[in-house]
Protein backbone atom coordinates (compact mmCIF):
# COMPACT_ATOMS: atom_id res chain seq x y z
CA MET A 1 12.37 13.44 -20.57
CA PRO A 2 11.29 9.79 -19.96
CA VAL A 3 12.32 8.05 -16.79
CA LYS A 4 15.57 6.67 -16.79
CA LEU A 5 16.34 2.86 -15.90
CA HIS A 6 19.47 2.59 -13.99
CA ARG A 7 20.21 -1.09 -14.44
CA CYS A 8 23.29 -3.38 -14.75
CA GLY A 9 24.62 -4.49 -18.26
CA VAL A 10 23.34 -8.14 -18.19
CA MET A 11 20.53 -7.65 -20.40
CA TRP A 12 20.20 -11.04 -21.50
CA VAL A 13 19.08 -12.32 -18.11
CA LYS A 14 15.19 -12.08 -18.33
CA ILE A 15 14.07 -14.08 -15.12
CA ASP A 16 11.65 -12.49 -12.78
CA ALA A 17 14.27 -13.15 -9.92
CA HIS A 18 16.65 -10.75 -11.50
CA PRO A 19 15.87 -7.33 -9.98
CA CYS A 20 16.80 -5.16 -12.93
CA TRP A 21 14.89 -7.15 -15.40
CA ALA A 22 11.75 -7.29 -13.21
CA VAL A 23 11.76 -3.49 -13.17
CA GLN A 24 12.36 -3.42 -16.65
CA LYS A 25 9.40 -5.73 -17.43
CA ALA A 26 7.03 -3.74 -14.87
CA LEU A 27 7.70 -0.64 -16.84
CA ASP A 28 6.96 -2.26 -20.17
CA GLU A 29 3.72 -3.93 -18.83
CA LYS A 30 2.51 -0.45 -17.70
CA GLY A 31 3.36 1.18 -21.15
CA ILE A 32 5.86 3.60 -19.57
CA ASP A 33 8.38 5.49 -21.49
CA TYR A 34 12.04 4.84 -20.18
CA GLU A 35 15.67 5.41 -21.28
CA ILE A 36 18.03 2.32 -19.92
CA VAL A 37 21.44 3.34 -18.39
CA LYS A 38 23.40 0.51 -18.39
CA GLU A 39 25.76 0.87 -15.36
CA ALA A 40 29.03 -1.09 -14.44
CA THR A 41 28.42 -4.83 -13.30
CA PHE A 42 31.69 -5.05 -11.57
CA PRO A 43 32.90 -3.60 -10.03
CA ARG A 44 30.28 -1.67 -8.02
CA SER A 45 32.64 1.00 -7.33
CA LYS A 46 32.33 2.43 -10.68
CA ARG A 47 28.75 3.32 -10.24
CA THR A 48 29.49 6.41 -9.05
CA GLU A 49 26.90 8.75 -10.12
CA VAL A 50 24.11 5.99 -8.45
CA THR A 51 26.26 6.15 -5.40
CA GLU A 52 26.18 9.87 -5.52
CA LYS A 53 22.63 10.11 -5.84
CA THR A 54 21.18 7.11 -3.72
CA GLY A 55 23.78 6.51 -1.24
CA GLN A 56 24.14 2.90 -2.35
CA SER A 57 25.63 1.09 -5.31
CA LEU A 58 23.06 -1.33 -5.89
CA LEU A 59 20.73 -1.51 -8.75
CA PRO A 60 18.14 -1.12 -10.18
CA VAL A 61 17.73 2.53 -9.86
CA LEU A 62 14.93 4.88 -11.31
CA GLU A 63 15.70 8.27 -12.18
CA LEU A 64 12.32 10.13 -12.74
CA ASP A 65 11.84 13.09 -14.80
CA ASP A 66 11.52 15.59 -11.74
CA GLY A 67 14.91 14.55 -10.59
CA ARG A 68 14.44 12.30 -7.90
CA TRP A 69 16.41 8.89 -8.09
CA ILE A 70 14.66 5.84 -6.15
CA ARG A 71 16.58 2.88 -5.19
CA GLU A 72 14.59 0.00 -3.74
CA ASP A 73 15.13 -3.94 -4.36
CA GLY A 74 13.49 -4.83 -7.35
CA LYS A 75 10.31 -6.75 -6.34
CA THR A 76 9.55 -3.82 -4.28
CA LEU A 77 9.80 -1.38 -7.37
CA ALA A 78 8.22 -3.50 -9.54
CA ALA A 79 5.36 -3.74 -7.37
CA LYS A 80 5.30 0.06 -6.90
CA ILE A 81 5.30 0.66 -10.70
CA ARG A 82 2.44 -1.89 -11.41
CA SER A 83 0.17 -0.09 -8.42
CA GLY A 84 0.87 3.05 -9.92
CA GLU A 85 2.43 4.41 -6.74
CA LEU A 86 5.28 6.28 -8.70
CA PRO A 87 4.36 9.21 -10.79
């Protein structure tokens, strides 16, 4: 199973300041296979699975193939992907 990127549905915003795009771009650059899971943009309360698994309703979130869910701000998560810190 590939990594799942839980991100907002605002797919057309492709600037580095957008946290969901920053993570998606880092995955693309590293050649990591992933599946996009579009989460509700608003209201955040609809992100029930994300909240259940991470304790937060914020995005982006990576769901790894070993079952772990990782939620960090977009810049930090993108940097970890680029450095190879994530399995």
